[in-house]
Amino acid sequence: MSHRRAKQGPTASSAVMFGEELRFYREMLGYTQEELGKLLHCNRTNITRYESGKRRMPADSVEDADRVLKTGGLLKRLWDRVDWEAEVEHPDWFRDHADMEAEAVAVRVFQYGVVLGLLQCPEYARAVFEASDAAGNPELIAERTAARLGRQKRFLDPDGPLLLAVLDESAIRTVYGGPGVMRRQMQHLLAAAQLPNILIQVAPFASRRTIIDASMVLLEMPDGQNWVYSESLDRGHPSDVAAIVARHRRSYDRLRGDVLSVDASLALIADALEGFRDDEERDRRVCLAQEQLQRRQRGQLHRNGPRIPRRRSGA
């Protein structure tokens, strides 16, 4: 069988090279991505990601692909030589995560410092982006806010995927947008927690956890594949390596055993809501007092100003 590269030009990524070979053999036999997906018992989106080098193809699926595409075991030999744990940068790293999140059947999250995006109300989401590198760009802030709210729709449906969210207490105490925005965010959390597919727990400051020291997301996909995802300052770190996912899943399960119960967590959120309501009322009174003071000062300046004699009408 003659062989040629499906895509010309060098690549620094062995994962991308594997994907190119997979695409070459698929196209040579005339299969579409959807048709190959059916033969390998996965969906077209997975085939797209395998061929782009953005997702690690399971070993048993690679062996099936070798059989279906009649490669003589070439794909498995190449797959064995790929360093799947190597960190490959993609400019659309979060878009890939969002795509997987949109397919996930269960999402487990631990979040520091800020309420996770899937549970943010519109005002809070906008305030978070206003405090980010998008500050000063209203169009970009509006675009990112709309995208974030769009990701929430399937989770805020009573028949939506399972969402288990553990929020560090810092996520509900750190103020974005002022007490009024925070009050609405706490109301949003309490409302979301009433949905049958959403459980929210809080890890209080007093617990002094050392099990997990960074925000992370665990994704369970329709094909049974599991991913762990975390972020550093300017990039995402996804992994579907079984040992890594299992280690973080154990840590997450241990963490859930150490945090507040669901009822106690919602009570803490309700208490935070009342605190923000008090702060909002105090701010309102301060603003009102300042406005009244400024009015009095303007009136006093007017009374103490020089008198301007009125013109008298002619006698």
C-alpha atoms as a PDB file:
ATOM      1  CA  MET A   1       0.000   0.000   0.000  1.00  0.00           C
ATOM      2  CA  SER A   2       1.482   3.319  -1.012  1.00  0.00           C
ATOM      3  CA  HIS A   3       1.682   5.870   1.751  1.00  0.00           C
ATOM      4  CA  ARG A   4       1.799   9.633   1.771  1.00  0.00           C
ATOM      5  CA  ARG A   5       1.349  12.260   4.419  1.00  0.00           C
ATOM      6  CA  ALA A   6      -2.212  13.588   4.644  1.00  0.00           C
ATOM      7  CA  LYS A   7      -0.944  17.059   5.430  1.00  0.00           C
ATOM      8  CA  GLN A   8       2.262  18.545   4.105  1.00  0.00           C
ATOM      9  CA  GLY A   9       4.654  20.468   6.305  1.00  0.00           C
ATOM     10  CA  PRO A  10       6.504  19.715   9.556  1.00  0.00           C
ATOM     11  CA  THR A  11       4.890  19.641  12.975  1.00  0.00           C
ATOM     12  CA  ALA A  12       6.453  19.854  16.437  1.00  0.00           C
ATOM     13  CA  SER A  13       3.687  17.747  17.955  1.00  0.00           C
ATOM     14  CA  SER A  14       3.666  13.963  17.785  1.00  0.00           C
ATOM     15  CA  ALA A  15      -0.004  14.082  18.805  1.00  0.00           C
ATOM     16  CA  VAL A  16      -0.787  16.160  15.714  1.00  0.00           C
ATOM     17  CA  MET A  17       1.234  13.731  13.580  1.00  0.00           C
ATOM     18  CA  PHE A  18      -0.816  10.823  14.919  1.00  0.00           C
ATOM     19  CA  GLY A  19      -4.008  12.737  14.101  1.00  0.00           C
ATOM     20  CA  GLU A  20      -2.826  13.409  10.558  1.00  0.00           C
ATOM     21  CA  GLU A  21      -2.180   9.718   9.985  1.00  0.00           C
ATOM     22  CA  LEU A  22      -5.582   8.804  11.348  1.00  0.00           C
ATOM     23  CA  ARG A  23      -7.212  11.300   8.979  1.00  0.00           C
ATOM     24  CA  PHE A  24      -5.129  10.077   6.023  1.00  0.00           C
ATOM     25  CA  TYR A  25      -6.276   6.464   6.385  1.00  0.00           C
ATOM     26  CA  ARG A  26      -9.875   7.488   7.040  1.00  0.00           C
ATOM     27  CA  GLU A  27     -10.016   9.610   3.893  1.00  0.00           C
ATOM     28  CA  MET A  28      -8.175   6.993   1.829  1.00  0.00           C
ATOM     29  CA  LEU A  29     -10.953   4.472   2.585  1.00  0.00           C
ATOM     30  CA  GLY A  30     -13.637   7.080   1.960  1.00  0.00           C
ATOM     31  CA  TYR A  31     -15.086   7.293   5.455  1.00  0.00           C
ATOM     32  CA  THR A  32     -16.509  10.521   6.859  1.00  0.00           C
ATOM     33  CA  GLN A  33     -15.729  11.417  10.460  1.00  0.00           C
ATOM     34  CA  GLU A  34     -19.275  10.501  11.425  1.00  0.00           C
ATOM     35  CA  GLU A  35     -19.043   7.095   9.718  1.00  0.00           C
ATOM     36  CA  LEU A  36     -15.721   6.293  11.388  1.00  0.00           C
ATOM     37  CA  GLY A  37     -17.158   7.420  14.720  1.00  0.00           C
ATOM     38  CA  LYS A  38     -20.006   4.910  14.390  1.00  0.00           C
ATOM     39  CA  LEU A  39     -17.552   2.121  13.579  1.00  0.00           C
ATOM     40  CA  LEU A  40     -15.450   3.048  16.646  1.00  0.00           C
ATOM     41  CA  HIS A  41     -18.525   3.597  18.887  1.00  0.00           C
ATOM     42  CA  CYS A  42     -17.876   7.299  19.487  1.00  0.00           C
ATOM     43  CA  ASN A  43     -19.261  10.547  18.054  1.00  0.00           C
ATOM     44  CA  ARG A  44     -17.959  12.722  15.212  1.00  0.00           C
ATOM     45  CA  THR A  45     -16.702  15.402  17.631  1.00  0.00           C
ATOM     46  CA  ASN A  46     -14.292  12.926  19.197  1.00  0.00           C
ATOM     47  CA  ILE A  47     -12.929  11.929  15.780  1.00  0.00           C
ATOM     48  CA  THR A  48     -12.379  15.628  14.994  1.00  0.00           C
ATOM     49  CA  ARG A  49     -10.366  16.082  18.185  1.00  0.00           C
ATOM     50  CA  TYR A  50      -8.357  12.890  17.657  1.00  0.00           C
ATOM     51  CA  GLU A  51      -7.426  14.030  14.155  1.00  0.00           C
ATOM     52  CA  SER A  52      -6.432  17.510  15.346  1.00  0.00           C
ATOM     53  CA  GLY A  53      -4.202  16.079  18.083  1.00  0.00           C
ATOM     54  CA  LYS A  54      -6.249  17.841  20.760  1.00  0.00           C
ATOM     55  CA  ARG A  55      -7.508  14.706  22.492  1.00  0.00           C
ATOM     56  CA  ARG A  56      -5.842  11.439  23.418  1.00  0.00           C
ATOM     57  CA  MET A  57      -7.503   8.532  21.637  1.00  0.00           C
ATOM     58  CA  PRO A  58      -8.116   5.583  23.975  1.00  0.00           C
ATOM     59  CA  ALA A  59      -5.770   2.638  23.329  1.00  0.00           C
ATOM     60  CA  ASP A  60      -8.587   0.187  22.567  1.00  0.00           C
ATOM     61  CA  SER A  61     -10.076   2.642  20.062  1.00  0.00           C
ATOM     62  CA  VAL A  62      -6.683   2.933  18.345  1.00  0.00           C
ATOM     63  CA  GLU A  63      -6.553  -0.856  17.964  1.00  0.00           C
ATOM     64  CA  ASP A  64     -10.094  -0.826  16.561  1.00  0.00           C
ATOM     65  CA  ALA A  65      -9.090   1.948  14.138  1.00  0.00           C
ATOM     66  CA  ASP A  66      -6.111  -0.115  12.959  1.00  0.00           C
ATOM     67  CA  ARG A  67      -8.491  -2.978  12.214  1.00  0.00           C
ATOM     68  CA  VAL A  68     -11.227  -0.871  10.570  1.00  0.00           C
ATOM     69  CA  LEU A  69      -8.793   1.209   8.495  1.00  0.00           C
ATOM     70  CA  LYS A  70      -6.540  -1.774   7.647  1.00  0.00           C
ATOM     71  CA  THR A  71      -3.334   0.003   8.690  1.00  0.00           C
ATOM     72  CA  GLY A  72      -1.447  -3.118   9.765  1.00  0.00           C
ATOM     73  CA  GLY A  73      -1.008  -1.769  13.297  1.00  0.00           C
ATOM     74  CA  LEU A  74       0.697   1.467  12.222  1.00  0.00           C
ATOM     75  CA  LEU A  75      -1.627   3.711  14.257  1.00  0.00           C
ATOM     76  CA  LYS A  76      -1.024   1.773  17.481  1.00  0.00           C
ATOM     77  CA  ARG A  77       2.745   1.820  16.954  1.00  0.00           C
ATOM     78  CA  LEU A  78       2.652   5.579  16.377  1.00  0.00           C
ATOM     79  CA  TRP A  79       0.255   6.087  19.321  1.00  0.00           C
ATOM     80  CA  ASP A  80       2.704   4.252  21.598  1.00  0.00           C
ATOM     81  CA  ARG A  81       5.425   6.753  20.676  1.00  0.00           C
ATOM     82  CA  VAL A  82       3.367   9.846  21.462  1.00  0.00           C
ATOM     83  CA  ASP A  83       4.041  11.554  24.791  1.00  0.00           C
ATOM     84  CA  TRP A  84       0.387  12.076  25.649  1.00  0.00           C
ATOM     85  CA  GLU A  85       1.258  13.766  28.933  1.00  0.00           C
ATOM     86  CA  ALA A  86       3.326  16.433  27.191  1.00  0.00           C
ATOM     87  CA  GLU A  87       1.827  19.894  27.473  1.00  0.00           C
ATOM     88  CA  VAL A  88       1.001  21.240  24.037  1.00  0.00           C
ATOM     89  CA  GLU A  89      -0.141  24.846  23.888  1.00  0.00           C
ATOM     90  CA  HIS A  90      -3.237  25.728  21.872  1.00  0.00           C
ATOM     91  CA  PRO A  91      -4.427  29.302  21.396  1.00  0.00           C
ATOM     92  CA  ASP A  92      -7.992  28.067  21.810  1.00  0.00           C
ATOM     93  CA  TRP A  93      -7.261  26.043  24.958  1.00  0.00           C
ATOM     94  CA  PHE A  94     -10.387  27.121  26.803  1.00  0.00           C
ATOM     95  CA  ARG A  95     -12.595  26.603  23.755  1.00  0.00           C
ATOM     96  CA  ASP A  96     -11.580  22.941  23.751  1.00  0.00           C
ATOM     97  CA  HIS A  97     -12.564  22.633  27.400  1.00  0.00           C
ATOM     98  CA  ALA A  98     -15.876  24.384  26.778  1.00  0.00           C
ATOM     99  CA  ASP A  99     -16.585  21.975  23.908  1.00  0.00           C
ATOM    100  CA  MET A 100     -16.052  18.980  26.198  1.00  0.00           C
ATOM    101  CA  GLU A 101     -18.060  20.622  28.975  1.00  0.00           C
ATOM    102  CA  ALA A 102     -20.958  20.976  26.507  1.00  0.00           C
ATOM    103  CA  GLU A 103     -20.967  17.181  26.035  1.00  0.00           C
ATOM    104  CA  ALA A 104     -20.233  16.088  29.603  1.00  0.00           C
ATOM    105  CA  VAL A 105     -22.784  13.973  31.463  1.00  0.00           C
ATOM    106  CA  ALA A 106     -21.349  14.967  34.860  1.00  0.00           C
ATOM    107  CA  VAL A 107     -19.149  17.848  36.049  1.00  0.00           C
ATOM    108  CA  ARG A 108     -17.418  17.997  39.428  1.00  0.00           C
ATOM    109  CA  VAL A 109     -15.778  21.291  40.375  1.00  0.00           C
ATOM    110  CA  PHE A 110     -13.679  22.734  43.167  1.00  0.00           C
ATOM    111  CA  GLN A 111     -13.375  26.518  42.907  1.00  0.00           C
ATOM    112  CA  TYR A 112     -11.229  29.063  44.746  1.00  0.00           C
ATOM    113  CA  GLY A 113     -11.697  32.822  44.875  1.00  0.00           C
ATOM    114  CA  VAL A 114     -14.537  33.250  42.376  1.00  0.00           C
ATOM    115  CA  VAL A 115     -17.871  31.501  41.784  1.00  0.00           C
ATOM    116  CA  LEU A 116     -17.506  29.010  38.942  1.00  0.00           C
ATOM    117  CA  GLY A 117     -18.727  30.264  35.576  1.00  0.00           C
ATOM    118  CA  LEU A 118     -21.536  27.701  35.300  1.00  0.00           C
ATOM    119  CA  LEU A 119     -23.194  29.244  38.382  1.00  0.00           C
ATOM    120  CA  GLN A 120     -22.594  32.963  37.804  1.00  0.00           C
ATOM    121  CA  CYS A 121     -25.504  35.371  37.435  1.00  0.00           C
ATOM    122  CA  PRO A 122     -25.246  37.923  34.562  1.00  0.00           C
ATOM    123  CA  GLU A 123     -24.282  40.885  36.772  1.00  0.00           C
ATOM    124  CA  TYR A 124     -21.568  38.910  38.561  1.00  0.00           C
ATOM    125  CA  ALA A 125     -20.167  37.452  35.319  1.00  0.00           C
ATOM    126  CA  ARG A 126     -19.916  40.936  33.847  1.00  0.00           C
ATOM    127  CA  ALA A 127     -18.191  42.245  36.989  1.00  0.00           C
ATOM    128  CA  VAL A 128     -15.641  39.408  36.885  1.00  0.00           C
ATOM    129  CA  PHE A 129     -14.714  40.236  33.291  1.00  0.00           C
ATOM    130  CA  GLU A 130     -14.578  43.954  34.121  1.00  0.00           C
ATOM    131  CA  ALA A 131     -11.913  43.076  36.701  1.00  0.00           C
ATOM    132  CA  SER A 132      -9.939  40.984  34.191  1.00  0.00           C
ATOM    133  CA  ASP A 133      -7.718  41.781  31.213  1.00  0.00           C
ATOM    134  CA  ALA A 134     -10.906  42.666  29.305  1.00  0.00           C
ATOM    135  CA  ALA A 135     -11.323  45.810  31.418  1.00  0.00           C
ATOM    136  CA  GLY A 136     -11.815  48.875  29.258  1.00  0.00           C
ATOM    137  CA  ASN A 137     -13.183  46.893  26.315  1.00  0.00           C
ATOM    138  CA  PRO A 138     -16.995  46.906  26.640  1.00  0.00           C
ATOM    139  CA  GLU A 139     -17.544  44.859  23.474  1.00  0.00           C
ATOM    140  CA  LEU A 140     -15.169  42.108  24.624  1.00  0.00           C
ATOM    141  CA  ILE A 141     -16.759  42.085  28.091  1.00  0.00           C
ATOM    142  CA  ALA A 142     -20.235  41.744  26.571  1.00  0.00           C
ATOM    143  CA  GLU A 143     -19.065  38.964  24.245  1.00  0.00           C
ATOM    144  CA  ARG A 144     -17.392  36.966  27.019  1.00  0.00           C
ATOM    145  CA  THR A 145     -20.336  37.445  29.378  1.00  0.00           C
ATOM    146  CA  ALA A 146     -22.772  36.164  26.737  1.00  0.00           C
ATOM    147  CA  ALA A 147     -20.537  33.163  26.031  1.00  0.00           C
ATOM    148  CA  ARG A 148     -20.321  32.289  29.718  1.00  0.00           C
ATOM    149  CA  LEU A 149     -24.079  32.527  30.207  1.00  0.00           C
ATOM    150  CA  GLY A 150     -24.580  30.391  27.120  1.00  0.00           C
ATOM    151  CA  ARG A 151     -22.531  27.577  28.670  1.00  0.00           C
ATOM    152  CA  GLN A 152     -24.905  27.449  31.635  1.00  0.00           C
ATOM    153  CA  LYS A 153     -28.156  26.629  29.830  1.00  0.00           C
ATOM    154  CA  ARG A 154     -27.938  22.847  29.813  1.00  0.00           C
ATOM    155  CA  PHE A 155     -26.887  22.756  33.486  1.00  0.00           C
ATOM    156  CA  LEU A 156     -29.692  25.063  34.657  1.00  0.00           C
ATOM    157  CA  ASP A 157     -32.275  22.676  33.203  1.00  0.00           C
ATOM    158  CA  PRO A 158     -33.812  20.260  35.768  1.00  0.00           C
ATOM    159  CA  ASP A 159     -33.005  17.418  33.365  1.00  0.00           C
ATOM    160  CA  GLY A 160     -29.473  18.705  32.784  1.00  0.00           C
ATOM    161  CA  PRO A 161     -26.162  16.984  33.546  1.00  0.00           C
ATOM    162  CA  LEU A 162     -25.048  16.399  37.115  1.00  0.00           C
ATOM    163  CA  LEU A 163     -23.137  19.387  38.541  1.00  0.00           C
ATOM    164  CA  LEU A 164     -21.353  18.926  41.874  1.00  0.00           C
ATOM    165  CA  ALA A 165     -19.803  22.232  42.919  1.00  0.00           C
ATOM    166  CA  VAL A 166     -17.557  22.693  45.943  1.00  0.00           C
ATOM    167  CA  LEU A 167     -16.874  26.395  46.488  1.00  0.00           C
ATOM    168  CA  ASP A 168     -14.087  27.548  48.725  1.00  0.00           C
ATOM    169  CA  GLU A 169     -15.516  30.158  51.108  1.00  0.00           C
ATOM    170  CA  SER A 170     -13.283  32.725  49.400  1.00  0.00           C
ATOM    171  CA  ALA A 171     -15.495  32.330  46.294  1.00  0.00           C
ATOM    172  CA  ILE A 172     -18.524  33.726  48.128  1.00  0.00           C
ATOM    173  CA  ARG A 173     -16.654  36.312  50.215  1.00  0.00           C
ATOM    174  CA  THR A 174     -14.530  37.930  47.487  1.00  0.00           C
ATOM    175  CA  VAL A 175     -16.525  40.912  46.214  1.00  0.00           C
ATOM    176  CA  TYR A 176     -16.997  41.560  42.506  1.00  0.00           C
ATOM    177  CA  GLY A 177     -19.139  44.502  41.405  1.00  0.00           C
ATOM    178  CA  GLY A 178     -20.125  45.646  44.905  1.00  0.00           C
ATOM    179  CA  PRO A 179     -22.567  44.292  47.515  1.00  0.00           C
ATOM    180  CA  GLY A 180     -25.602  44.616  45.241  1.00  0.00           C
ATOM    181  CA  VAL A 181     -24.059  42.323  42.631  1.00  0.00           C
ATOM    182  CA  MET A 182     -22.920  39.905  45.346  1.00  0.00           C
ATOM    183  CA  ARG A 183     -26.435  39.810  46.838  1.00  0.00           C
ATOM    184  CA  ARG A 184     -27.859  38.842  43.449  1.00  0.00           C
ATOM    185  CA  GLN A 185     -25.119  36.224  43.013  1.00  0.00           C
ATOM    186  CA  MET A 186     -25.961  34.618  46.364  1.00  0.00           C
ATOM    187  CA  GLN A 187     -29.647  34.562  45.382  1.00  0.00           C
ATOM    188  CA  HIS A 188     -28.666  32.900  42.103  1.00  0.00           C
ATOM    189  CA  LEU A 189     -26.689  30.189  43.936  1.00  0.00           C
ATOM    190  CA  LEU A 190     -29.592  29.467  46.275  1.00  0.00           C
ATOM    191  CA  ALA A 191     -31.993  29.205  43.323  1.00  0.00           C
ATOM    192  CA  ALA A 192     -29.643  26.935  41.338  1.00  0.00           C
ATOM    193  CA  ALA A 193     -29.244  24.662  44.356  1.00  0.00           C
ATOM    194  CA  GLN A 194     -32.972  23.863  44.175  1.00  0.00           C
ATOM    195  CA  LEU A 195     -32.477  22.088  40.842  1.00  0.00           C
ATOM    196  CA  PRO A 196     -32.299  18.283  41.180  1.00  0.00           C
ATOM    197  CA  ASN A 197     -29.102  18.000  39.103  1.00  0.00           C
ATOM    198  CA  ILE A 198     -27.084  20.601  41.059  1.00  0.00           C
ATOM    199  CA  LEU A 199     -25.428  20.166  44.466  1.00  0.00           C
ATOM    200  CA  ILE A 200     -23.492  23.050  46.024  1.00  0.00           C
ATOM    201  CA  GLN A 201     -21.205  22.711  49.039  1.00  0.00           C
ATOM    202  CA  VAL A 202     -18.898  25.224  50.705  1.00  0.00           C
ATOM    203  CA  ALA A 203     -15.419  24.531  52.039  1.00  0.00           C
ATOM    204  CA  PRO A 204     -15.197  27.015  54.964  1.00  0.00           C
ATOM    205  CA  PHE A 205     -12.088  28.962  55.874  1.00  0.00           C
ATOM    206  CA  ALA A 206     -11.971  27.154  59.215  1.00  0.00           C
ATOM    207  CA  SER A 207     -11.450  23.732  57.604  1.00  0.00           C
ATOM    208  CA  ARG A 208      -7.851  24.570  56.604  1.00  0.00           C
ATOM    209  CA  ARG A 209      -7.848  22.089  53.730  1.00  0.00           C
ATOM    210  CA  THR A 210      -4.636  20.734  52.249  1.00  0.00           C
ATOM    211  CA  ILE A 211      -6.187  18.041  50.018  1.00  0.00           C
ATOM    212  CA  ILE A 212      -6.604  20.306  46.963  1.00  0.00           C
ATOM    213  CA  ASP A 213      -4.726  23.580  46.605  1.00  0.00           C
ATOM    214  CA  ALA A 214      -6.061  24.817  43.239  1.00  0.00           C
ATOM    215  CA  SER A 215      -9.349  25.076  41.352  1.00  0.00           C
ATOM    216  CA  MET A 216     -10.085  22.066  39.175  1.00  0.00           C
ATOM    217  CA  VAL A 217     -12.820  20.460  37.066  1.00  0.00           C
ATOM    218  CA  LEU A 218     -13.543  16.761  36.567  1.00  0.00           C
ATOM    219  CA  LEU A 219     -15.510  15.921  33.409  1.00  0.00           C
ATOM    220  CA  GLU A 220     -17.304  12.642  32.743  1.00  0.00           C
ATOM    221  CA  MET A 221     -17.987  12.197  29.018  1.00  0.00           C
ATOM    222  CA  PRO A 222     -20.788  10.243  27.286  1.00  0.00           C
ATOM    223  CA  ASP A 223     -18.314   7.594  26.058  1.00  0.00           C
ATOM    224  CA  GLY A 224     -17.139   6.936  29.621  1.00  0.00           C
ATOM    225  CA  GLN A 225     -13.894   8.869  29.204  1.00  0.00           C
ATOM    226  CA  ASN A 226     -12.908  11.111  32.142  1.00  0.00           C
ATOM    227  CA  TRP A 227     -10.896  14.319  32.115  1.00  0.00           C
ATOM    228  CA  VAL A 228      -9.371  16.592  34.725  1.00  0.00           C
ATOM    229  CA  TYR A 229      -8.889  20.277  33.925  1.00  0.00           C
ATOM    230  CA  SER A 230      -7.153  23.105  35.764  1.00  0.00           C
ATOM    231  CA  GLU A 231      -5.744  26.514  34.864  1.00  0.00           C
ATOM    232  CA  SER A 232      -2.596  28.506  35.479  1.00  0.00           C
ATOM    233  CA  LEU A 233      -2.279  32.222  34.802  1.00  0.00           C
ATOM    234  CA  ASP A 234      -2.616  32.111  31.021  1.00  0.00           C
ATOM    235  CA  ARG A 235      -3.462  28.587  29.894  1.00  0.00           C
ATOM    236  CA  GLY A 236      -5.488  25.471  30.612  1.00  0.00           C
ATOM    237  CA  HIS A 237      -4.197  22.038  31.605  1.00  0.00           C
ATOM    238  CA  PRO A 238      -6.480  19.185  30.485  1.00  0.00           C
ATOM    239  CA  SER A 239      -5.585  15.521  30.989  1.00  0.00           C
ATOM    240  CA  ASP A 240      -7.357  12.236  30.393  1.00  0.00           C
ATOM    241  CA  VAL A 241      -4.478  10.052  31.629  1.00  0.00           C
ATOM    242  CA  ALA A 242      -6.237   7.461  33.755  1.00  0.00           C
ATOM    243  CA  ALA A 243      -3.785   7.561  36.686  1.00  0.00           C
ATOM    244  CA  ILE A 244      -3.863  11.361  36.866  1.00  0.00           C
ATOM    245  CA  VAL A 245      -7.664  11.545  36.665  1.00  0.00           C
ATOM    246  CA  ALA A 246      -8.041   8.818  39.317  1.00  0.00           C
ATOM    247  CA  ARG A 247      -5.674  10.630  41.687  1.00  0.00           C
ATOM    248  CA  HIS A 248      -7.563  13.909  41.427  1.00  0.00           C
ATOM    249  CA  ARG A 249     -10.937  12.145  41.697  1.00  0.00           C
ATOM    250  CA  ARG A 250      -9.817  10.558  44.993  1.00  0.00           C
ATOM    251  CA  SER A 251      -8.726  13.967  46.263  1.00  0.00           C
ATOM    252  CA  TYR A 252     -12.057  15.470  45.259  1.00  0.00           C
ATOM    253  CA  ASP A 253     -14.043  12.717  46.975  1.00  0.00           C
ATOM    254  CA  ARG A 254     -11.980  13.156  50.163  1.00  0.00           C
ATOM    255  CA  LEU A 255     -12.519  16.915  50.014  1.00  0.00           C
ATOM    256  CA  ARG A 256     -16.304  16.517  49.777  1.00  0.00           C
ATOM    257  CA  GLY A 257     -16.155  14.466  52.964  1.00  0.00           C
ATOM    258  CA  ASP A 258     -14.457  17.334  54.825  1.00  0.00           C
ATOM    259  CA  VAL A 259     -16.607  20.299  53.730  1.00  0.00           C
ATOM    260  CA  LEU A 260     -19.995  21.530  54.945  1.00  0.00           C
ATOM    261  CA  SER A 261     -23.105  19.505  54.174  1.00  0.00           C
ATOM    262  CA  VAL A 262     -25.408  20.791  51.450  1.00  0.00           C
ATOM    263  CA  ASP A 263     -27.867  22.223  54.014  1.00  0.00           C
ATOM    264  CA  ALA A 264     -25.111  23.890  56.060  1.00  0.00           C
ATOM    265  CA  SER A 265     -23.542  25.244  52.857  1.00  0.00           C
ATOM    266  CA  LEU A 266     -26.803  26.836  51.734  1.00  0.00           C
ATOM    267  CA  ALA A 267     -27.246  28.316  55.224  1.00  0.00           C
ATOM    268  CA  LEU A 268     -23.796  29.906  54.946  1.00  0.00           C
ATOM    269  CA  ILE A 269     -24.643  31.301  51.493  1.00  0.00           C
ATOM    270  CA  ALA A 270     -27.927  32.687  52.861  1.00  0.00           C
ATOM    271  CA  ASP A 271     -26.001  34.316  55.711  1.00  0.00           C
ATOM    272  CA  ALA A 272     -23.589  35.860  53.188  1.00  0.00           C
ATOM    273  CA  LEU A 273     -26.598  37.137  51.234  1.00  0.00           C
ATOM    274  CA  GLU A 274     -27.924  38.954  54.308  1.00  0.00           C
ATOM    275  CA  GLY A 275     -24.494  40.426  54.935  1.00  0.00           C
ATOM    276  CA  PHE A 276     -24.320  41.777  51.384  1.00  0.00           C
ATOM    277  CA  ARG A 277     -27.877  43.093  51.732  1.00  0.00           C
ATOM    278  CA  ASP A 278     -26.793  45.020  54.849  1.00  0.00           C
ATOM    279  CA  ASP A 279     -23.702  46.310  53.027  1.00  0.00           C
ATOM    280  CA  GLU A 280     -25.867  47.405  50.096  1.00  0.00           C
ATOM    281  CA  GLU A 281     -28.246  49.280  52.417  1.00  0.00           C
ATOM    282  CA  ARG A 282     -25.328  50.915  54.232  1.00  0.00           C
ATOM    283  CA  ASP A 283     -23.821  51.997  50.913  1.00  0.00           C
ATOM    284  CA  ARG A 284     -27.194  53.385  49.849  1.00  0.00           C
ATOM    285  CA  ARG A 285     -27.449  55.435  53.042  1.00  0.00           C
ATOM    286  CA  VAL A 286     -23.896  56.719  52.659  1.00  0.00           C
ATOM    287  CA  CYS A 287     -24.623  57.785  49.058  1.00  0.00           C
ATOM    288  CA  LEU A 288     -27.850  59.473  50.157  1.00  0.00           C
ATOM    289  CA  ALA A 289     -26.064  61.317  52.976  1.00  0.00           C
ATOM    290  CA  GLN A 290     -23.317  62.461  50.607  1.00  0.00           C
ATOM    291  CA  GLU A 291     -25.896  63.682  48.101  1.00  0.00           C
ATOM    292  CA  GLN A 292     -27.749  65.654  50.792  1.00  0.00           C
ATOM    293  CA  LEU A 293     -24.471  67.142  52.039  1.00  0.00           C
ATOM    294  CA  GLN A 294     -23.532  68.237  48.529  1.00  0.00           C
ATOM    295  CA  ARG A 295     -26.970  69.844  48.089  1.00  0.00           C
ATOM    296  CA  ARG A 296     -26.575  71.791  51.338  1.00  0.00           C
ATOM    297  CA  GLN A 297     -23.070  72.879  50.337  1.00  0.00           C
ATOM    298  CA  ARG A 298     -24.322  74.104  46.962  1.00  0.00           C
ATOM    299  CA  GLY A 299     -27.156  75.988  48.698  1.00  0.00           C
ATOM    300  CA  GLN A 300     -24.762  77.550  51.165  1.00  0.00           C
ATOM    301  CA  LEU A 301     -22.457  78.709  48.373  1.00  0.00           C
ATOM    302  CA  HIS A 302     -25.446  80.281  46.665  1.00  0.00           C
ATOM    303  CA  ARG A 303     -26.573  82.110  49.848  1.00  0.00           C
ATOM    304  CA  ASN A 304     -23.058  83.364  50.647  1.00  0.00           C
ATOM    305  CA  GLY A 305     -22.360  84.541  47.108  1.00  0.00           C
ATOM    306  CA  PRO A 306     -22.195  88.227  46.139  1.00  0.00           C
ATOM    307  CA  ARG A 307     -25.504  90.012  45.870  1.00  0.00           C
ATOM    308  CA  ILE A 308     -26.400  91.108  42.383  1.00  0.00           C
ATOM    309  CA  PRO A 309     -28.815  94.067  42.475  1.00  0.00           C
ATOM    310  CA  ARG A 310     -31.947  93.665  40.441  1.00  0.00           C
ATOM    311  CA  ARG A 311     -32.611  96.151  37.760  1.00  0.00           C
ATOM    312  CA  ARG A 312     -35.481  98.381  38.604  1.00  0.00           C
ATOM    313  CA  SER A 313     -38.055  99.219  36.064  1.00  0.00           C
ATOM    314  CA  GLY A 314     -38.028 102.813  34.908  1.00  0.00           C
ATOM    315  CA  ALA A 315     -40.061 105.300  36.987  1.00  0.00           C
END
